[in-house]
Amino acid sequence: MRIVHEREKCIGCGSCIAVCPKFWEMGEDGKAHLLNCKFDAKKKEEILEIKKIECNSEAVEVCPVQCIHIKK
């Protein structure tokens, strides 16, 4: 599985960080940042391969702009 974060859509509300600080932090640009991820510059997405979804399912649910996705 992988987590995909569309950074351009992020509004920096911090909801993902509040529910899942193990995977998320606030970046210097005021947008959420997925920890230990790879950045796809062409798609402008952060991608993290994971074995367990853990709290990221809540991060997907609380994101008001739906820029976090879990792909199986």
PDB file of N, CA and C in Angstrom:
ATOM      1  N   MET A   1       0.835  -1.177   0.000  1.00  0.00           N
ATOM      2  CA  MET A   1       0.000   0.000   0.000  1.00  0.00           C
ATOM      3  C   MET A   1       0.879   1.240   0.000  1.00  0.00           C
ATOM      4  N   ARG A   2       0.270   2.320  -0.378  1.00  0.00           N
ATOM      5  CA  ARG A   2       1.003   3.576  -0.318  1.00  0.00           C
ATOM      6  C   ARG A   2       0.072   4.731  -0.010  1.00  0.00           C
ATOM      7  N   ILE A   3       0.647   5.729   0.616  1.00  0.00           N
ATOM      8  CA  ILE A   3      -0.063   6.970   0.909  1.00  0.00           C
ATOM      9  C   ILE A   3       0.380   7.971  -0.146  1.00  0.00           C
ATOM     10  N   VAL A   4      -0.576   8.675  -0.715  1.00  0.00           N
ATOM     11  CA  VAL A   4      -0.282   9.705  -1.708  1.00  0.00           C
ATOM     12  C   VAL A   4      -0.845  11.026  -1.191  1.00  0.00           C
ATOM     13  N   HIS A   5       0.009  12.041  -1.164  1.00  0.00           N
ATOM     14  CA  HIS A   5      -0.393  13.373  -0.702  1.00  0.00           C
ATOM     15  C   HIS A   5      -0.206  14.368  -1.833  1.00  0.00           C
ATOM     16  N   GLU A   6      -1.313  14.949  -2.280  1.00  0.00           N
ATOM     17  CA  GLU A   6      -1.261  15.971  -3.342  1.00  0.00           C
ATOM     18  C   GLU A   6      -0.958  17.319  -2.685  1.00  0.00           C
ATOM     19  N   ARG A   7       0.309  17.688  -2.684  1.00  0.00           N
ATOM     20  CA  ARG A   7       0.739  18.883  -1.945  1.00  0.00           C
ATOM     21  C   ARG A   7       0.115  20.171  -2.438  1.00  0.00           C
ATOM     22  N   GLU A   8      -0.104  20.311  -3.731  1.00  0.00           N
ATOM     23  CA  GLU A   8      -0.656  21.573  -4.245  1.00  0.00           C
ATOM     24  C   GLU A   8      -2.069  21.831  -3.722  1.00  0.00           C
ATOM     25  N   LYS A   9      -2.815  20.782  -3.465  1.00  0.00           N
ATOM     26  CA  LYS A   9      -4.184  20.935  -2.966  1.00  0.00           C
ATOM     27  C   LYS A   9      -4.232  21.218  -1.467  1.00  0.00           C
ATOM     28  N   CYS A  10      -3.158  20.898  -0.765  1.00  0.00           N
ATOM     29  CA  CYS A  10      -3.125  21.045   0.689  1.00  0.00           C
ATOM     30  C   CYS A  10      -3.299  22.510   1.090  1.00  0.00           C
ATOM     31  N   ILE A  11      -4.159  22.738   2.095  1.00  0.00           N
ATOM     32  CA  ILE A  11      -4.380  24.100   2.585  1.00  0.00           C
ATOM     33  C   ILE A  11      -3.692  24.341   3.936  1.00  0.00           C
ATOM     34  N   GLY A  12      -3.012  23.315   4.453  1.00  0.00           N
ATOM     35  CA  GLY A  12      -2.257  23.477   5.695  1.00  0.00           C
ATOM     36  C   GLY A  12      -3.110  23.593   6.939  1.00  0.00           C
ATOM     37  N   CYS A  13      -4.268  22.948   6.956  1.00  0.00           N
ATOM     38  CA  CYS A  13      -5.148  23.057   8.121  1.00  0.00           C
ATOM     39  C   CYS A  13      -4.623  22.290   9.329  1.00  0.00           C
ATOM     40  N   GLY A  14      -3.770  21.278   9.096  1.00  0.00           N
ATOM     41  CA  GLY A  14      -3.164  20.529  10.190  1.00  0.00           C
ATOM     42  C   GLY A  14      -3.994  19.379  10.732  1.00  0.00           C
ATOM     43  N   SER A  15      -5.119  19.076  10.112  1.00  0.00           N
ATOM     44  CA  SER A  15      -5.967  17.981  10.598  1.00  0.00           C
ATOM     45  C   SER A  15      -5.245  16.642  10.562  1.00  0.00           C
ATOM     46  N   CYS A  16      -4.510  16.378   9.502  1.00  0.00           N
ATOM     47  CA  CYS A  16      -3.785  15.110   9.376  1.00  0.00           C
ATOM     48  C   CYS A  16      -2.731  14.983  10.470  1.00  0.00           C
ATOM     49  N   ILE A  17      -2.097  16.088  10.798  1.00  0.00           N
ATOM     50  CA  ILE A  17      -1.068  16.097  11.833  1.00  0.00           C
ATOM     51  C   ILE A  17      -1.696  15.837  13.202  1.00  0.00           C
ATOM     52  N   ALA A  18      -2.870  16.394  13.433  1.00  0.00           N
ATOM     53  CA  ALA A  18      -3.550  16.220  14.717  1.00  0.00           C
ATOM     54  C   ALA A  18      -3.938  14.762  14.956  1.00  0.00           C
ATOM     55  N   VAL A  19      -4.373  14.050  13.919  1.00  0.00           N
ATOM     56  CA  VAL A  19      -4.823  12.670  14.101  1.00  0.00           C
ATOM     57  C   VAL A  19      -3.731  11.638  13.840  1.00  0.00           C
ATOM     58  N   CYS A  20      -2.641  12.043  13.173  1.00  0.00           N
ATOM     59  CA  CYS A  20      -1.617  11.068  12.783  1.00  0.00           C
ATOM     60  C   CYS A  20      -0.204  11.682  12.790  1.00  0.00           C
ATOM     61  N   PRO A  21       0.262  12.167  13.940  1.00  0.00           N
ATOM     62  CA  PRO A  21       1.566  12.838  13.985  1.00  0.00           C
ATOM     63  C   PRO A  21       2.754  11.905  13.718  1.00  0.00           C
ATOM     64  N   LYS A  22       2.536  10.615  13.776  1.00  0.00           N
ATOM     65  CA  LYS A  22       3.609   9.656  13.486  1.00  0.00           C
ATOM     66  C   LYS A  22       4.038   9.739  12.016  1.00  0.00           C
ATOM     67  N   PHE A  23       3.119  10.154  11.137  1.00  0.00           N
ATOM     68  CA  PHE A  23       3.389  10.195   9.704  1.00  0.00           C
ATOM     69  C   PHE A  23       3.398  11.600   9.108  1.00  0.00           C
ATOM     70  N   TRP A  24       2.876  12.592   9.835  1.00  0.00           N
ATOM     71  CA  TRP A  24       2.692  13.930   9.269  1.00  0.00           C
ATOM     72  C   TRP A  24       3.316  15.008  10.131  1.00  0.00           C
ATOM     73  N   GLU A  25       3.781  16.083   9.477  1.00  0.00           N
ATOM     74  CA  GLU A  25       4.266  17.277  10.164  1.00  0.00           C
ATOM     75  C   GLU A  25       3.959  18.489   9.285  1.00  0.00           C
ATOM     76  N   MET A  26       4.064  19.667   9.878  1.00  0.00           N
ATOM     77  CA  MET A  26       3.850  20.891   9.112  1.00  0.00           C
ATOM     78  C   MET A  26       5.162  21.284   8.451  1.00  0.00           C
ATOM     79  N   GLY A  27       5.120  21.506   7.149  1.00  0.00           N
ATOM     80  CA  GLY A  27       6.311  21.921   6.416  1.00  0.00           C
ATOM     81  C   GLY A  27       6.578  23.402   6.574  1.00  0.00           C
ATOM     82  N   GLU A  28       7.759  23.826   6.166  1.00  0.00           N
ATOM     83  CA  GLU A  28       8.137  25.238   6.265  1.00  0.00           C
ATOM     84  C   GLU A  28       7.262  26.129   5.391  1.00  0.00           C
ATOM     85  N   ASP A  29       6.624  25.547   4.375  1.00  0.00           N
ATOM     86  CA  ASP A  29       5.757  26.315   3.484  1.00  0.00           C
ATOM     87  C   ASP A  29       4.324  26.433   4.000  1.00  0.00           C
ATOM     88  N   GLY A  30       4.060  25.917   5.214  1.00  0.00           N
ATOM     89  CA  GLY A  30       2.727  26.015   5.798  1.00  0.00           C
ATOM     90  C   GLY A  30       1.776  24.924   5.338  1.00  0.00           C
ATOM     91  N   LYS A  31       2.297  23.924   4.639  1.00  0.00           N
ATOM     92  CA  LYS A  31       1.474  22.798   4.190  1.00  0.00           C
ATOM     93  C   LYS A  31       1.926  21.537   4.911  1.00  0.00           C
ATOM     94  N   ALA A  32       1.032  20.568   5.001  1.00  0.00           N
ATOM     95  CA  ALA A  32       1.380  19.299   5.639  1.00  0.00           C
ATOM     96  C   ALA A  32       2.449  18.591   4.814  1.00  0.00           C
ATOM     97  N   HIS A  33       3.273  17.831   5.523  1.00  0.00           N
ATOM     98  CA  HIS A  33       4.356  17.083   4.881  1.00  0.00           C
ATOM     99  C   HIS A  33       4.304  15.643   5.378  1.00  0.00           C
ATOM    100  N   LEU A  34       4.334  14.699   4.460  1.00  0.00           N
ATOM    101  CA  LEU A  34       4.358  13.274   4.776  1.00  0.00           C
ATOM    102  C   LEU A  34       5.793  12.870   5.088  1.00  0.00           C
ATOM    103  N   LEU A  35       6.024  12.399   6.285  1.00  0.00           N
ATOM    104  CA  LEU A  35       7.375  12.059   6.727  1.00  0.00           C
ATOM    105  C   LEU A  35       7.949  10.862   5.972  1.00  0.00           C
ATOM    106  N   ASN A  36       9.250  10.900   5.720  1.00  0.00           N
ATOM    107  CA  ASN A  36       9.996   9.797   5.091  1.00  0.00           C
ATOM    108  C   ASN A  36       9.458   9.384   3.727  1.00  0.00           C
ATOM    109  N   CYS A  37       8.938  10.332   2.981  1.00  0.00           N
ATOM    110  CA  CYS A  37       8.328  10.036   1.689  1.00  0.00           C
ATOM    111  C   CYS A  37       9.283  10.332   0.528  1.00  0.00           C
ATOM    112  N   LYS A  38       8.856   9.895  -0.637  1.00  0.00           N
ATOM    113  CA  LYS A  38       9.516  10.275  -1.883  1.00  0.00           C
ATOM    114  C   LYS A  38       8.625  11.312  -2.545  1.00  0.00           C
ATOM    115  N   PHE A  39       9.236  12.247  -3.255  1.00  0.00           N
ATOM    116  CA  PHE A  39       8.464  13.296  -3.924  1.00  0.00           C
ATOM    117  C   PHE A  39       8.486  13.077  -5.425  1.00  0.00           C
ATOM    118  N   ASP A  40       7.310  12.983  -6.018  1.00  0.00           N
ATOM    119  CA  ASP A  40       7.173  12.870  -7.473  1.00  0.00           C
ATOM    120  C   ASP A  40       6.994  14.292  -7.994  1.00  0.00           C
ATOM    121  N   ALA A  41       8.057  14.881  -8.532  1.00  0.00           N
ATOM    122  CA  ALA A  41       8.030  16.280  -8.977  1.00  0.00           C
ATOM    123  C   ALA A  41       7.078  16.487 -10.145  1.00  0.00           C
ATOM    124  N   LYS A  42       6.953  15.497 -10.997  1.00  0.00           N
ATOM    125  CA  LYS A  42       6.074  15.624 -12.165  1.00  0.00           C
ATOM    126  C   LYS A  42       4.610  15.747 -11.741  1.00  0.00           C
ATOM    127  N   LYS A  43       4.206  14.898 -10.788  1.00  0.00           N
ATOM    128  CA  LYS A  43       2.819  14.918 -10.311  1.00  0.00           C
ATOM    129  C   LYS A  43       2.634  15.828  -9.101  1.00  0.00           C
ATOM    130  N   LYS A  44       3.754  16.299  -8.541  1.00  0.00           N
ATOM    131  CA  LYS A  44       3.742  17.136  -7.346  1.00  0.00           C
ATOM    132  C   LYS A  44       3.039  16.428  -6.185  1.00  0.00           C
ATOM    133  N   GLU A  45       3.444  15.160  -5.974  1.00  0.00           N
ATOM    134  CA  GLU A  45       2.866  14.342  -4.924  1.00  0.00           C
ATOM    135  C   GLU A  45       3.959  13.759  -4.034  1.00  0.00           C
ATOM    136  N   GLU A  46       3.618  13.621  -2.762  1.00  0.00           N
ATOM    137  CA  GLU A  46       4.472  12.895  -1.836  1.00  0.00           C
ATOM    138  C   GLU A  46       3.929  11.471  -1.762  1.00  0.00           C
ATOM    139  N   ILE A  47       4.825  10.487  -1.801  1.00  0.00           N
ATOM    140  CA  ILE A  47       4.409   9.088  -1.818  1.00  0.00           C
ATOM    141  C   ILE A  47       5.203   8.320  -0.768  1.00  0.00           C
ATOM    142  N   LEU A  48       4.487   7.527   0.017  1.00  0.00           N
ATOM    143  CA  LEU A  48       5.133   6.701   1.035  1.00  0.00           C
ATOM    144  C   LEU A  48       4.578   5.284   0.951  1.00  0.00           C
ATOM    145  N   GLU A  49       5.463   4.321   0.731  1.00  0.00           N
ATOM    146  CA  GLU A  49       5.093   2.905   0.735  1.00  0.00           C
ATOM    147  C   GLU A  49       4.984   2.463   2.194  1.00  0.00           C
ATOM    148  N   ILE A  50       3.868   1.793   2.525  1.00  0.00           N
ATOM    149  CA  ILE A  50       3.650   1.335   3.899  1.00  0.00           C
ATOM    150  C   ILE A  50       3.087  -0.083   3.896  1.00  0.00           C
ATOM    151  N   LYS A  51       3.259  -0.772   5.021  1.00  0.00           N
ATOM    152  CA  LYS A  51       2.687  -2.112   5.183  1.00  0.00           C
ATOM    153  C   LYS A  51       1.357  -2.045   5.915  1.00  0.00           C
ATOM    154  N   LYS A  52       1.249  -1.109   6.869  1.00  0.00           N
ATOM    155  CA  LYS A  52       0.019  -0.943   7.642  1.00  0.00           C
ATOM    156  C   LYS A  52      -0.456   0.496   7.522  1.00  0.00           C
ATOM    157  N   ILE A  53      -1.738   0.674   7.349  1.00  0.00           N
ATOM    158  CA  ILE A  53      -2.311   2.015   7.188  1.00  0.00           C
ATOM    159  C   ILE A  53      -2.196   2.828   8.475  1.00  0.00           C
ATOM    160  N   GLU A  54      -2.354   2.159   9.612  1.00  0.00           N
ATOM    161  CA  GLU A  54      -2.324   2.802  10.920  1.00  0.00           C
ATOM    162  C   GLU A  54      -3.278   3.993  10.960  1.00  0.00           C
ATOM    163  N   CYS A  55      -2.845   5.134  11.482  1.00  0.00           N
ATOM    164  CA  CYS A  55      -3.721   6.297  11.657  1.00  0.00           C
ATOM    165  C   CYS A  55      -3.974   7.069  10.360  1.00  0.00           C
ATOM    166  N   ASN A  56      -3.369   6.654   9.266  1.00  0.00           N
ATOM    167  CA  ASN A  56      -3.562   7.394   8.011  1.00  0.00           C
ATOM    168  C   ASN A  56      -4.984   7.317   7.476  1.00  0.00           C
ATOM    169  N   SER A  57      -5.736   6.295   7.858  1.00  0.00           N
ATOM    170  CA  SER A  57      -7.141   6.246   7.435  1.00  0.00           C
ATOM    171  C   SER A  57      -7.904   7.421   8.037  1.00  0.00           C
ATOM    172  N   GLU A  58      -7.568   7.792   9.278  1.00  0.00           N
ATOM    173  CA  GLU A  58      -8.195   8.968   9.889  1.00  0.00           C
ATOM    174  C   GLU A  58      -7.732  10.250   9.208  1.00  0.00           C
ATOM    175  N   ALA A  59      -6.465  10.298   8.803  1.00  0.00           N
ATOM    176  CA  ALA A  59      -5.958  11.483   8.105  1.00  0.00           C
ATOM    177  C   ALA A  59      -6.713  11.700   6.798  1.00  0.00           C
ATOM    178  N   VAL A  60      -7.006  10.617   6.100  1.00  0.00           N
ATOM    179  CA  VAL A  60      -7.789  10.710   4.859  1.00  0.00           C
ATOM    180  C   VAL A  60      -9.172  11.274   5.158  1.00  0.00           C
ATOM    181  N   GLU A  61      -9.802  10.751   6.200  1.00  0.00           N
ATOM    182  CA  GLU A  61     -11.169  11.161   6.551  1.00  0.00           C
ATOM    183  C   GLU A  61     -11.279  12.616   6.985  1.00  0.00           C
ATOM    184  N   VAL A  62     -10.289  13.109   7.735  1.00  0.00           N
ATOM    185  CA  VAL A  62     -10.405  14.475   8.271  1.00  0.00           C
ATOM    186  C   VAL A  62      -9.907  15.560   7.323  1.00  0.00           C
ATOM    187  N   CYS A  63      -9.247  15.198   6.243  1.00  0.00           N
ATOM    188  CA  CYS A  63      -8.729  16.206   5.317  1.00  0.00           C
ATOM    189  C   CYS A  63      -9.885  16.915   4.599  1.00  0.00           C
ATOM    190  N   PRO A  64     -10.025  18.224   4.811  1.00  0.00           N
ATOM    191  CA  PRO A  64     -11.164  18.940   4.212  1.00  0.00           C
ATOM    192  C   PRO A  64     -11.078  19.100   2.689  1.00  0.00           C
ATOM    193  N   VAL A  65      -9.893  18.979   2.125  1.00  0.00           N
ATOM    194  CA  VAL A  65      -9.754  19.137   0.667  1.00  0.00           C
ATOM    195  C   VAL A  65      -9.451  17.809  -0.030  1.00  0.00           C
ATOM    196  N   GLN A  66      -9.482  16.725   0.720  1.00  0.00           N
ATOM    197  CA  GLN A  66      -9.302  15.365   0.186  1.00  0.00           C
ATOM    198  C   GLN A  66      -8.053  15.227  -0.684  1.00  0.00           C
ATOM    199  N   CYS A  67      -6.929  15.657  -0.143  1.00  0.00           N
ATOM    200  CA  CYS A  67      -5.670  15.570  -0.887  1.00  0.00           C
ATOM    201  C   CYS A  67      -4.787  14.422  -0.414  1.00  0.00           C
ATOM    202  N   ILE A  68      -5.310  13.585   0.498  1.00  0.00           N
ATOM    203  CA  ILE A  68      -4.586  12.407   0.989  1.00  0.00           C
ATOM    204  C   ILE A  68      -5.335  11.180   0.504  1.00  0.00           C
ATOM    205  N   HIS A  69      -4.585  10.240  -0.078  1.00  0.00           N
ATOM    206  CA  HIS A  69      -5.200   9.024  -0.625  1.00  0.00           C
ATOM    207  C   HIS A  69      -4.397   7.807  -0.199  1.00  0.00           C
ATOM    208  N   ILE A  70      -5.107   6.699  -0.004  1.00  0.00           N
ATOM    209  CA  ILE A  70      -4.460   5.428   0.274  1.00  0.00           C
ATOM    210  C   ILE A  70      -4.711   4.533  -0.936  1.00  0.00           C
ATOM    211  N   LYS A  71      -3.647   4.074  -1.566  1.00  0.00           N
ATOM    212  CA  LYS A  71      -3.746   3.230  -2.749  1.00  0.00           C
ATOM    213  C   LYS A  71      -3.274   1.829  -2.378  1.00  0.00           C
ATOM    214  N   LYS A  72      -4.042   0.856  -2.800  1.00  0.00           N
ATOM    215  CA  LYS A  72      -3.683  -0.537  -2.487  1.00  0.00           C
ATOM    216  C   LYS A  72      -3.126  -1.232  -3.704  1.00  0.00           C
TER     217      LYS A  72
END
